[in-house]
Amino acid sequence: MPQQAVGYLRPERVQLAAEALRATSYAELISGVDPAELSSAEVYPLGWSELGALEWGRPWYDGLTQFFEAAARADDAMLVWLD
């Protein structure tokens, strides 16, 4: 059974996360990631051996960055749920 993790980011941590996301391109994020290691660890989504599999998250990365930046501008806290 997969574990779930819920976290709370205070506004200053949201700001730090927004800055880190803004400073990190998607190419940098996936640099050095070994698809074989992801497959053996059964990291979701499966299918890491397919050509270009590491590109699956690229369309959502800009939106994630924008979401954190908007929350940081509003001085919002954030709940983070990993499932």
Protein backbone atom coordinates (compact mmCIF):
# COMPACT_ATOMS: atom_id res chain seq x y z
CA MET A 1 0.00 0.00 0.00
CA PRO A 2 1.48 3.39 -0.98
CA GLN A 3 2.23 5.81 1.80
CA GLN A 4 0.65 9.23 1.88
CA ALA A 5 2.34 12.37 3.13
CA VAL A 6 0.67 15.64 4.01
CA GLY A 7 2.74 18.71 4.73
CA TYR A 8 2.20 22.33 5.60
CA LEU A 9 4.34 25.07 4.09
CA ARG A 10 4.37 28.37 5.93
CA PRO A 11 4.33 31.44 3.66
CA GLU A 12 8.11 31.86 3.91
CA ARG A 13 8.61 28.24 2.80
CA VAL A 14 6.20 28.78 -0.11
CA GLN A 15 8.37 31.76 -1.09
CA LEU A 16 11.52 29.60 -0.98
CA ALA A 17 9.85 26.87 -3.03
CA ALA A 18 8.69 29.42 -5.62
CA GLU A 19 12.21 30.80 -5.89
CA ALA A 20 13.69 27.31 -6.27
CA LEU A 21 11.17 26.34 -8.95
CA ARG A 22 11.76 29.60 -10.83
CA ALA A 23 15.54 29.03 -10.74
CA THR A 24 15.36 25.41 -11.92
CA SER A 25 14.50 24.53 -15.50
CA TYR A 26 12.79 21.24 -16.25
CA ALA A 27 15.94 20.11 -18.04
CA GLU A 28 17.92 20.74 -14.85
CA LEU A 29 15.28 18.94 -12.80
CA ILE A 30 15.59 15.71 -14.78
CA SER A 31 19.34 15.96 -15.39
CA GLY A 32 21.05 12.88 -14.02
CA VAL A 33 17.82 10.98 -13.43
CA ASP A 34 18.21 7.34 -14.43
CA PRO A 35 15.00 5.87 -15.87
CA ALA A 36 16.19 2.35 -14.97
CA GLU A 37 16.39 3.34 -11.30
CA LEU A 38 12.87 4.78 -11.47
CA SER A 39 11.61 1.52 -13.00
CA SER A 40 13.30 -0.68 -10.39
CA ALA A 41 11.90 1.51 -7.59
CA GLU A 42 8.43 1.30 -9.21
CA VAL A 43 8.07 5.09 -9.21
CA TYR A 44 4.73 6.28 -10.61
CA PRO A 45 4.00 6.53 -13.48
CA LEU A 46 5.48 3.29 -14.68
CA GLY A 47 6.95 2.92 -18.17
CA TRP A 48 10.26 4.72 -17.60
CA SER A 49 12.01 2.53 -20.17
CA GLU A 50 10.08 4.18 -23.02
CA LEU A 51 11.99 6.73 -25.09
CA GLY A 52 11.38 10.24 -23.75
CA ALA A 53 9.63 8.99 -20.61
CA LEU A 54 11.25 11.69 -18.45
CA GLU A 55 9.42 14.32 -20.51
CA TRP A 56 6.00 13.33 -19.14
CA GLY A 57 6.05 16.03 -16.44
CA ARG A 58 7.27 18.93 -18.57
CA PRO A 59 3.76 20.24 -19.46
CA TRP A 60 2.87 20.57 -15.75
CA TYR A 61 6.13 22.07 -14.52
CA ASP A 62 5.41 25.62 -15.71
CA GLY A 63 1.95 25.49 -14.14
CA LEU A 64 3.39 24.24 -10.86
CA THR A 65 5.93 27.06 -10.89
CA GLN A 66 3.21 29.63 -11.60
CA PHE A 67 1.01 28.21 -8.82
CA PHE A 68 3.80 28.54 -6.24
CA GLU A 69 4.69 32.03 -7.48
CA ALA A 70 1.07 33.20 -7.14
CA ALA A 71 0.83 31.75 -3.64
CA ALA A 72 4.12 33.43 -2.69
CA ARG A 73 2.93 36.80 -4.02
CA ALA A 74 -0.25 36.47 -1.95
CA ASP A 75 1.79 35.48 1.13
CA ASP A 76 -0.21 32.25 1.31
CA ALA A 77 0.62 29.08 3.17
CA MET A 78 0.13 25.79 1.38
CA LEU A 79 -0.91 22.22 2.14
CA VAL A 80 1.07 19.67 0.16
CA TRP A 81 -0.32 16.16 -0.31
CA LEU A 82 1.85 13.41 -1.77
CA ASP A 83 0.10 10.17 -2.56
